[in-house]
C-alpha atoms as a PDB file:
ATOM      1  CA  MET A   1      -9.709 -12.944 -13.826  1.00  0.00           C
ATOM      2  CA  THR A   2     -11.871 -13.465 -10.499  1.00  0.00           C
ATOM      3  CA  LEU A   3     -12.111 -11.284  -7.654  1.00  0.00           C
ATOM      4  CA  ARG A   4     -10.258 -13.600  -5.303  1.00  0.00           C
ATOM      5  CA  GLU A   5      -7.609 -13.578  -8.081  1.00  0.00           C
ATOM      6  CA  LEU A   6      -7.435  -9.871  -8.382  1.00  0.00           C
ATOM      7  CA  SER A   7      -6.923  -9.954  -4.334  1.00  0.00           C
ATOM      8  CA  GLY A   8      -3.661 -11.853  -4.770  1.00  0.00           C
ATOM      9  CA  ALA A   9      -2.439  -9.707  -7.765  1.00  0.00           C
ATOM     10  CA  TYR A  10      -2.708  -6.588  -5.450  1.00  0.00           C
ATOM     11  CA  ARG A  11      -0.955  -8.278  -2.722  1.00  0.00           C
ATOM     12  CA  ALA A  12       1.663  -9.342  -4.836  1.00  0.00           C
ATOM     13  CA  ALA A  13       2.144  -5.919  -6.414  1.00  0.00           C
ATOM     14  CA  ALA A  14       2.389  -4.409  -2.560  1.00  0.00           C
ATOM     15  CA  GLN A  15       5.500  -6.282  -1.921  1.00  0.00           C
ATOM     16  CA  PRO A  16       7.483  -4.366  -3.676  1.00  0.00           C
ATOM     17  CA  ILE A  17       6.315  -0.864  -2.025  1.00  0.00           C
ATOM     18  CA  ARG A  18       6.957  -2.831   1.303  1.00  0.00           C
ATOM     19  CA  VAL A  19      10.631  -3.297   0.348  1.00  0.00           C
ATOM     20  CA  ARG A  20      11.414  -0.105  -1.159  1.00  0.00           C
ATOM     21  CA  LEU A  21       9.486   1.401   2.081  1.00  0.00           C
ATOM     22  CA  ARG A  22      12.047  -0.143   4.344  1.00  0.00           C
ATOM     23  CA  GLU A  23      14.772   0.617   2.035  1.00  0.00           C
ATOM     24  CA  LEU A  24      13.690   4.511   2.312  1.00  0.00           C
ATOM     25  CA  ARG A  25      13.353   4.609   6.008  1.00  0.00           C
ATOM     26  CA  ILE A  26      16.704   3.255   6.602  1.00  0.00           C
ATOM     27  CA  GLU A  27      18.252   5.791   4.112  1.00  0.00           C
ATOM     28  CA  MET A  28      16.466   8.622   6.264  1.00  0.00           C
ATOM     29  CA  LYS A  29      17.854   7.282   9.425  1.00  0.00           C
ATOM     30  CA  ARG A  30      21.501   8.115   7.645  1.00  0.00           C
ATOM     31  CA  GLU A  31      20.289  10.918   5.693  1.00  0.00           C
ATOM     32  CA  ARG A  32      21.655  14.486   7.126  1.00  0.00           C
ATOM     33  CA  ASP A  33      21.218  16.664   4.104  1.00  0.00           C
ATOM     34  CA  PRO A  34      17.691  18.526   4.887  1.00  0.00           C
ATOM     35  CA  GLU A  35      16.627  18.687   1.260  1.00  0.00           C
ATOM     36  CA  ARG A  36      17.391  15.437   0.594  1.00  0.00           C
ATOM     37  CA  MET A  37      15.840  14.324   3.930  1.00  0.00           C
ATOM     38  CA  PHE A  38      12.399  16.231   2.429  1.00  0.00           C
ATOM     39  CA  TRP A  39      12.224  14.389  -0.618  1.00  0.00           C
ATOM     40  CA  LEU A  40      12.826  10.800   1.097  1.00  0.00           C
ATOM     41  CA  LYS A  41       9.815  11.831   3.444  1.00  0.00           C
ATOM     42  CA  ARG A  42       7.816  12.754   0.735  1.00  0.00           C
ATOM     43  CA  ARG A  43       8.257   9.663  -1.446  1.00  0.00           C
ATOM     44  CA  THR A  44       7.625   7.650   1.717  1.00  0.00           C
ATOM     45  CA  ALA A  45       4.305   9.347   2.393  1.00  0.00           C
ATOM     46  CA  VAL A  46       3.241   8.492  -1.470  1.00  0.00           C
ATOM     47  CA  LEU A  47       4.336   5.135  -1.342  1.00  0.00           C
ATOM     48  CA  THR A  48       2.688   4.470   2.033  1.00  0.00           C
ATOM     49  CA  GLU A  49      -0.736   5.783   0.694  1.00  0.00           C
ATOM     50  CA  MET A  50      -0.207   3.732  -2.196  1.00  0.00           C
ATOM     51  CA  LEU A  51       0.141   0.546  -0.040  1.00  0.00           C
ATOM     52  CA  ARG A  52      -2.472   1.223   2.228  1.00  0.00           C
ATOM     53  CA  GLN A  53      -4.843   1.442  -0.748  1.00  0.00           C
ATOM     54  CA  MET A  54      -3.610  -1.794  -2.288  1.00  0.00           C
ATOM     55  CA  ASN A  55      -4.124  -3.415   1.194  1.00  0.00           C
ATOM     56  CA  GLU A  56      -7.442  -1.939   1.493  1.00  0.00           C
ATOM     57  CA  LEU A  57      -8.245  -3.330  -2.351  1.00  0.00           C
ATOM     58  CA  ALA A  58      -6.890  -6.428  -1.872  1.00  0.00           C
ATOM     59  CA  GLU A  59      -8.845  -7.031   1.121  1.00  0.00           C
ATOM     60  CA  LEU A  60     -11.939  -5.625  -0.509  1.00  0.00           C
ATOM     61  CA  THR A  61     -11.660  -8.110  -3.563  1.00  0.00           C
ATOM     62  CA  GLU A  62     -11.058 -11.245  -1.559  1.00  0.00           C
ATOM     63  CA  HIS A  63     -14.183 -10.878   0.221  1.00  0.00           C
ATOM     64  CA  TYR A  64     -16.353  -9.131  -1.730  1.00  0.00           C
ATOM     65  CA  TYR A  65     -18.997 -11.885  -2.107  1.00  0.00           C
ATOM     66  CA  GLU A  66     -18.938 -13.027   1.569  1.00  0.00           C
ATOM     67  CA  ARG A  67     -22.137 -12.248   3.143  1.00  0.00           C
ATOM     68  CA  GLY A  68     -21.758 -10.311   6.430  1.00  0.00           C
ATOM     69  CA  TYR A  69     -18.212  -8.918   5.202  1.00  0.00           C
ATOM     70  CA  TYR A  70     -17.742  -5.061   6.427  1.00  0.00           C
ATOM     71  CA  ARG A  71     -17.014  -3.176   2.856  1.00  0.00           C
ATOM     72  CA  ASN A  72     -14.713   0.322   3.628  1.00  0.00           C
ATOM     73  CA  GLU A  73     -17.332   3.066   2.886  1.00  0.00           C
ATOM     74  CA  LYS A  74     -14.579   4.745   0.666  1.00  0.00           C
ATOM     75  CA  TYR A  75     -15.203   1.941  -1.784  1.00  0.00           C
ATOM     76  CA  ARG A  76     -18.911   1.920  -2.066  1.00  0.00           C
ATOM     77  CA  LEU A  77     -21.180   3.501  -4.612  1.00  0.00           C
END
């Protein structure tokens, strides 16, 4: 598998997370129970972080070998 193919895999894996985040946000708008709301917010925060990292890694692996591409310092050695 090449890095460009890996990038596509990251993007494909991110799609179900996007869908689930949309569902959770809709559910949060309807929720009235404070405890349930707490857990919905917590789950949303975790999934948002996962999605952000997947997007960053997809971008990095897609352009890894391009000259002049600015790489996120977080993913450099």
